[in-house]
């Protein structure tokens, strides 16, 4: 009989711990959501935070230098299948706009060598209006609350967030081009 009581007590303790852990995890996730929403709302109304980064070609740049252009801040990694899938259409979109749209491609790879190997498959990513950044310490991903790859932020000419995209998309569709034209103030 004592063994049954010990087993029952053990089941109750494990169950209580499981219940507490589940509730603690769920409550912490719920409490994160409003701050993330606040961050997104702030980027939409006040603009995204400025940052300085170094592209793979060794050039330092400041996001504020790109005011007046539409900026696509794309978070990706070479090992991410959906990221690789969207690259050709993203390149096509950037090329079509000949300098009006700037791409900042922020890599979450674990080492810089993986990026260089990846770029051999997509040499068009070494274009004038494309900056490839290795986010070694994940500081940019943290700054912009990136949780999955690919994730993209589209910024208008005033560097306010106008669209946040999570997941792979075809960047060069009729709708995408019309949307970019609207952001640039172009009429076709």
C-alpha atoms as a PDB file:
ATOM      1  CA  UNK A   1       0.000   0.000   0.000  1.00  0.00           C
ATOM      2  CA  UNK A   2       2.853   2.384   0.837  1.00  0.00           C
ATOM      3  CA  UNK A   3       4.279   1.933  -2.694  1.00  0.00           C
ATOM      4  CA  UNK A   4       0.948   2.935  -4.230  1.00  0.00           C
ATOM      5  CA  UNK A   5       0.846   6.090  -2.109  1.00  0.00           C
ATOM      6  CA  UNK A   6       4.440   6.929  -3.059  1.00  0.00           C
ATOM      7  CA  UNK A   7       3.626   6.402  -6.750  1.00  0.00           C
ATOM      8  CA  UNK A   8       0.481   8.532  -6.437  1.00  0.00           C
ATOM      9  CA  UNK A   9       2.426  11.284  -4.685  1.00  0.00           C
ATOM     10  CA  UNK A  10       5.069  11.164  -7.403  1.00  0.00           C
ATOM     11  CA  UNK A  11       2.420  11.430 -10.142  1.00  0.00           C
ATOM     12  CA  UNK A  12       0.804  14.405  -8.360  1.00  0.00           C
ATOM     13  CA  UNK A  13       4.154  16.179  -7.952  1.00  0.00           C
ATOM     14  CA  UNK A  14       5.172  15.578 -11.571  1.00  0.00           C
ATOM     15  CA  UNK A  15       1.726  16.667 -12.753  1.00  0.00           C
ATOM     16  CA  UNK A  16       1.866  19.845 -10.642  1.00  0.00           C
ATOM     17  CA  UNK A  17       5.340  20.677 -11.970  1.00  0.00           C
ATOM     18  CA  UNK A  18       4.178  20.057 -15.536  1.00  0.00           C
ATOM     19  CA  UNK A  19       1.134  22.261 -14.984  1.00  0.00           C
ATOM     20  CA  UNK A  20       3.293  25.045 -13.520  1.00  0.00           C
ATOM     21  CA  UNK A  21       5.863  24.815 -16.340  1.00  0.00           C
ATOM     22  CA  UNK A  22       3.170  24.918 -19.024  1.00  0.00           C
ATOM     23  CA  UNK A  23       1.419  27.915 -17.439  1.00  0.00           C
ATOM     24  CA  UNK A  24       4.701  29.720 -16.818  1.00  0.00           C
ATOM     25  CA  UNK A  25       5.747  29.222 -20.453  1.00  0.00           C
ATOM     26  CA  UNK A  26       2.358  30.274 -21.832  1.00  0.00           C
ATOM     27  CA  UNK A  27       2.152  33.357 -19.615  1.00  0.00           C
ATOM     28  CA  UNK A  28       5.656  34.440 -20.594  1.00  0.00           C
ATOM     29  CA  UNK A  29       4.738  34.050 -24.302  1.00  0.00           C
ATOM     30  CA  UNK A  30       1.577  36.129 -23.824  1.00  0.00           C
ATOM     31  CA  UNK A  31       3.511  38.848 -22.035  1.00  0.00           C
ATOM     32  CA  UNK A  32       5.998  38.994 -24.941  1.00  0.00           C
ATOM     33  CA  UNK A  33       3.298  39.661 -27.511  1.00  0.00           C
ATOM     34  CA  UNK A  34       2.303  43.179 -26.424  1.00  0.00           C
ATOM     35  CA  UNK A  35       5.921  44.370 -26.364  1.00  0.00           C
ATOM     36  CA  UNK A  36       6.458  42.939 -29.840  1.00  0.00           C
ATOM     37  CA  UNK A  37       3.269  44.660 -30.999  1.00  0.00           C
ATOM     38  CA  UNK A  38       4.439  47.894 -29.410  1.00  0.00           C
ATOM     39  CA  UNK A  39       7.758  47.531 -31.213  1.00  0.00           C
ATOM     40  CA  UNK A  40       6.017  47.023 -34.563  1.00  0.00           C
ATOM     41  CA  UNK A  41       3.648  49.930 -33.941  1.00  0.00           C
ATOM     42  CA  UNK A  42       6.596  52.133 -33.013  1.00  0.00           C
ATOM     43  CA  UNK A  43       8.446  51.194 -36.219  1.00  0.00           C
ATOM     44  CA  UNK A  44       5.299  51.997 -38.234  1.00  0.00           C
ATOM     45  CA  UNK A  45       4.751  55.414 -36.653  1.00  0.00           C
ATOM     46  CA  UNK A  46       8.230  56.612 -35.650  1.00  0.00           C
ATOM     47  CA  UNK A  47      10.415  54.633 -38.031  1.00  0.00           C
ATOM     48  CA  UNK A  48      12.819  51.764 -37.572  1.00  0.00           C
ATOM     49  CA  UNK A  49      15.861  52.150 -35.346  1.00  0.00           C
ATOM     50  CA  UNK A  50      19.007  53.252 -37.124  1.00  0.00           C
ATOM     51  CA  UNK A  51      21.985  50.919 -37.196  1.00  0.00           C
ATOM     52  CA  UNK A  52      25.484  50.803 -38.624  1.00  0.00           C
ATOM     53  CA  UNK A  53      26.707  47.592 -40.210  1.00  0.00           C
ATOM     54  CA  UNK A  54      29.524  46.310 -42.364  1.00  0.00           C
ATOM     55  CA  UNK A  55      28.719  44.545 -45.602  1.00  0.00           C
ATOM     56  CA  UNK A  56      30.705  41.519 -46.717  1.00  0.00           C
ATOM     57  CA  UNK A  57      32.720  43.697 -49.094  1.00  0.00           C
ATOM     58  CA  UNK A  58      34.076  45.546 -46.027  1.00  0.00           C
ATOM     59  CA  UNK A  59      32.078  48.754 -46.497  1.00  0.00           C
ATOM     60  CA  UNK A  60      30.450  50.239 -43.392  1.00  0.00           C
ATOM     61  CA  UNK A  61      27.077  51.849 -43.905  1.00  0.00           C
ATOM     62  CA  UNK A  62      24.385  53.495 -41.900  1.00  0.00           C
ATOM     63  CA  UNK A  63      20.675  52.816 -42.467  1.00  0.00           C
ATOM     64  CA  UNK A  64      19.981  56.562 -42.295  1.00  0.00           C
ATOM     65  CA  UNK A  65      22.090  57.007 -45.454  1.00  0.00           C
ATOM     66  CA  UNK A  66      19.310  55.250 -47.362  1.00  0.00           C
ATOM     67  CA  UNK A  67      16.533  57.704 -46.583  1.00  0.00           C
ATOM     68  CA  UNK A  68      14.651  58.558 -49.746  1.00  0.00           C
ATOM     69  CA  UNK A  69      14.806  54.952 -50.984  1.00  0.00           C
ATOM     70  CA  UNK A  70      12.520  52.046 -50.266  1.00  0.00           C
ATOM     71  CA  UNK A  71      14.522  49.543 -48.219  1.00  0.00           C
ATOM     72  CA  UNK A  72      13.910  45.822 -47.936  1.00  0.00           C
ATOM     73  CA  UNK A  73      15.552  44.474 -44.798  1.00  0.00           C
ATOM     74  CA  UNK A  74      15.672  40.727 -45.468  1.00  0.00           C
ATOM     75  CA  UNK A  75      16.759  38.249 -42.778  1.00  0.00           C
ATOM     76  CA  UNK A  76      17.909  34.914 -44.219  1.00  0.00           C
ATOM     77  CA  UNK A  77      20.433  32.083 -44.026  1.00  0.00           C
ATOM     78  CA  UNK A  78      22.104  29.904 -46.649  1.00  0.00           C
ATOM     79  CA  UNK A  79      20.769  26.709 -45.027  1.00  0.00           C
ATOM     80  CA  UNK A  80      17.163  27.985 -45.090  1.00  0.00           C
ATOM     81  CA  UNK A  81      15.280  26.424 -48.025  1.00  0.00           C
ATOM     82  CA  UNK A  82      12.513  29.065 -48.189  1.00  0.00           C
ATOM     83  CA  UNK A  83      15.183  31.807 -48.058  1.00  0.00           C
ATOM     84  CA  UNK A  84      16.993  30.320 -51.043  1.00  0.00           C
ATOM     85  CA  UNK A  85      13.662  29.950 -52.856  1.00  0.00           C
ATOM     86  CA  UNK A  86      12.872  33.677 -52.725  1.00  0.00           C
ATOM     87  CA  UNK A  87      16.327  34.972 -53.736  1.00  0.00           C
ATOM     88  CA  UNK A  88      15.835  34.942 -57.556  1.00  0.00           C
ATOM     89  CA  UNK A  89      12.607  36.968 -57.409  1.00  0.00           C
ATOM     90  CA  UNK A  90      14.138  39.383 -54.889  1.00  0.00           C
ATOM     91  CA  UNK A  91      17.122  39.971 -57.185  1.00  0.00           C
ATOM     92  CA  UNK A  92      14.788  40.517 -60.142  1.00  0.00           C
ATOM     93  CA  UNK A  93      12.781  43.107 -58.182  1.00  0.00           C
ATOM     94  CA  UNK A  94      15.897  45.023 -57.073  1.00  0.00           C
ATOM     95  CA  UNK A  95      17.314  45.036 -60.620  1.00  0.00           C
ATOM     96  CA  UNK A  96      14.049  46.325 -62.085  1.00  0.00           C
ATOM     97  CA  UNK A  97      14.066  49.409 -59.867  1.00  0.00           C
ATOM     98  CA  UNK A  98      17.654  50.422 -60.710  1.00  0.00           C
ATOM     99  CA  UNK A  99      18.558  52.087 -57.422  1.00  0.00           C
ATOM    100  CA  UNK A 100      15.157  53.135 -56.088  1.00  0.00           C
ATOM    101  CA  UNK A 101      14.991  50.067 -53.844  1.00  0.00           C
ATOM    102  CA  UNK A 102      17.842  49.058 -51.556  1.00  0.00           C
ATOM    103  CA  UNK A 103      18.163  45.482 -50.282  1.00  0.00           C
ATOM    104  CA  UNK A 104      19.942  44.815 -47.008  1.00  0.00           C
ATOM    105  CA  UNK A 105      20.254  41.037 -46.771  1.00  0.00           C
ATOM    106  CA  UNK A 106      21.119  40.112 -43.187  1.00  0.00           C
ATOM    107  CA  UNK A 107      22.486  36.587 -42.878  1.00  0.00           C
ATOM    108  CA  UNK A 108      21.915  34.466 -39.801  1.00  0.00           C
ATOM    109  CA  UNK A 109      24.469  31.865 -40.881  1.00  0.00           C
ATOM    110  CA  UNK A 110      26.787  30.406 -38.250  1.00  0.00           C
ATOM    111  CA  UNK A 111      29.912  31.380 -40.164  1.00  0.00           C
ATOM    112  CA  UNK A 112      30.845  33.810 -42.891  1.00  0.00           C
ATOM    113  CA  UNK A 113      32.294  31.106 -45.142  1.00  0.00           C
ATOM    114  CA  UNK A 114      28.806  29.629 -45.654  1.00  0.00           C
ATOM    115  CA  UNK A 115      27.651  32.987 -47.029  1.00  0.00           C
ATOM    116  CA  UNK A 116      30.531  33.171 -49.506  1.00  0.00           C
ATOM    117  CA  UNK A 117      29.754  29.644 -50.739  1.00  0.00           C
ATOM    118  CA  UNK A 118      26.086  30.660 -51.102  1.00  0.00           C
ATOM    119  CA  UNK A 119      27.005  33.786 -53.082  1.00  0.00           C
ATOM    120  CA  UNK A 120      28.750  31.623 -55.687  1.00  0.00           C
ATOM    121  CA  UNK A 121      25.282  30.302 -56.591  1.00  0.00           C
ATOM    122  CA  UNK A 122      23.817  33.828 -56.731  1.00  0.00           C
ATOM    123  CA  UNK A 123      26.530  36.201 -58.026  1.00  0.00           C
ATOM    124  CA  UNK A 124      23.792  38.777 -58.816  1.00  0.00           C
ATOM    125  CA  UNK A 125      23.600  39.440 -55.071  1.00  0.00           C
ATOM    126  CA  UNK A 126      26.862  41.373 -55.420  1.00  0.00           C
ATOM    127  CA  UNK A 127      25.058  44.322 -56.998  1.00  0.00           C
ATOM    128  CA  UNK A 128      25.260  48.018 -56.209  1.00  0.00           C
ATOM    129  CA  UNK A 129      21.879  48.232 -54.462  1.00  0.00           C
ATOM    130  CA  UNK A 130      22.340  45.068 -52.426  1.00  0.00           C
ATOM    131  CA  UNK A 131      24.254  44.912 -49.169  1.00  0.00           C
ATOM    132  CA  UNK A 132      25.002  41.515 -47.653  1.00  0.00           C
ATOM    133  CA  UNK A 133      25.554  41.630 -43.883  1.00  0.00           C
ATOM    134  CA  UNK A 134      26.775  38.817 -41.650  1.00  0.00           C
ATOM    135  CA  UNK A 135      24.937  39.205 -38.344  1.00  0.00           C
ATOM    136  CA  UNK A 136      27.462  37.178 -36.382  1.00  0.00           C
ATOM    137  CA  UNK A 137      26.196  38.150 -32.926  1.00  0.00           C
ATOM    138  CA  UNK A 138      22.527  38.237 -34.035  1.00  0.00           C
ATOM    139  CA  UNK A 139      22.250  41.845 -32.841  1.00  0.00           C
ATOM    140  CA  UNK A 140      20.224  42.955 -35.877  1.00  0.00           C
ATOM    141  CA  UNK A 141      17.926  39.957 -35.573  1.00  0.00           C
ATOM    142  CA  UNK A 142      17.336  40.839 -31.916  1.00  0.00           C
ATOM    143  CA  UNK A 143      16.859  44.524 -32.710  1.00  0.00           C
ATOM    144  CA  UNK A 144      14.079  43.713 -35.176  1.00  0.00           C
ATOM    145  CA  UNK A 145      12.520  40.822 -33.208  1.00  0.00           C
ATOM    146  CA  UNK A 146      13.226  38.279 -35.948  1.00  0.00           C
ATOM    147  CA  UNK A 147      11.958  34.884 -34.894  1.00  0.00           C
ATOM    148  CA  UNK A 148      11.870  32.886 -38.149  1.00  0.00           C
ATOM    149  CA  UNK A 149      13.650  32.886 -41.480  1.00  0.00           C
ATOM    150  CA  UNK A 150      13.087  34.310 -43.965  1.00  0.00           C
ATOM    151  CA  UNK A 151      11.629  37.451 -42.505  1.00  0.00           C
ATOM    152  CA  UNK A 152      11.537  40.796 -44.285  1.00  0.00           C
ATOM    153  CA  UNK A 153      10.738  44.355 -43.314  1.00  0.00           C
ATOM    154  CA  UNK A 154       9.733  46.765 -46.058  1.00  0.00           C
ATOM    155  CA  UNK A 155      10.536  50.373 -45.194  1.00  0.00           C
ATOM    156  CA  UNK A 156       9.174  53.388 -47.019  1.00  0.00           C
ATOM    157  CA  UNK A 157      11.298  56.380 -48.068  1.00  0.00           C
ATOM    158  CA  UNK A 158      11.014  57.817 -44.530  1.00  0.00           C
ATOM    159  CA  UNK A 159      12.234  54.479 -43.114  1.00  0.00           C
ATOM    160  CA  UNK A 160       8.932  53.649 -41.476  1.00  0.00           C
ATOM    161  CA  UNK A 161       7.833  50.036 -41.458  1.00  0.00           C
ATOM    162  CA  UNK A 162       5.079  49.508 -44.021  1.00  0.00           C
ATOM    163  CA  UNK A 163       5.080  45.715 -44.214  1.00  0.00           C
ATOM    164  CA  UNK A 164       6.494  42.809 -42.236  1.00  0.00           C
ATOM    165  CA  UNK A 165       6.646  39.513 -44.109  1.00  0.00           C
ATOM    166  CA  UNK A 166       7.362  36.173 -42.466  1.00  0.00           C
ATOM    167  CA  UNK A 167       8.082  33.298 -44.809  1.00  0.00           C
ATOM    168  CA  UNK A 168       9.081  32.996 -48.435  1.00  0.00           C
ATOM    169  CA  UNK A 169       7.279  35.024 -51.099  1.00  0.00           C
ATOM    170  CA  UNK A 170       7.612  35.714 -54.797  1.00  0.00           C
ATOM    171  CA  UNK A 171       8.937  39.270 -54.768  1.00  0.00           C
ATOM    172  CA  UNK A 172       8.466  39.881 -58.470  1.00  0.00           C
ATOM    173  CA  UNK A 173       4.752  39.567 -59.133  1.00  0.00           C
ATOM    174  CA  UNK A 174       2.408  42.119 -60.669  1.00  0.00           C
ATOM    175  CA  UNK A 175       1.034  42.927 -57.194  1.00  0.00           C
ATOM    176  CA  UNK A 176       4.508  43.308 -55.673  1.00  0.00           C
ATOM    177  CA  UNK A 177       5.625  45.632 -58.458  1.00  0.00           C
ATOM    178  CA  UNK A 178       2.461  47.738 -58.113  1.00  0.00           C
ATOM    179  CA  UNK A 179       2.994  47.910 -54.342  1.00  0.00           C
ATOM    180  CA  UNK A 180       6.605  49.082 -54.787  1.00  0.00           C
ATOM    181  CA  UNK A 181       5.472  51.638 -57.380  1.00  0.00           C
ATOM    182  CA  UNK A 182       2.998  52.990 -54.824  1.00  0.00           C
ATOM    183  CA  UNK A 183       5.709  53.263 -52.160  1.00  0.00           C
ATOM    184  CA  UNK A 184       7.978  55.065 -54.628  1.00  0.00           C
ATOM    185  CA  UNK A 185       5.195  57.389 -55.781  1.00  0.00           C
ATOM    186  CA  UNK A 186       5.385  56.083 -59.341  1.00  0.00           C
ATOM    187  CA  UNK A 187       2.363  55.703 -61.561  1.00  0.00           C
ATOM    188  CA  UNK A 188       2.302  53.171 -64.350  1.00  0.00           C
END
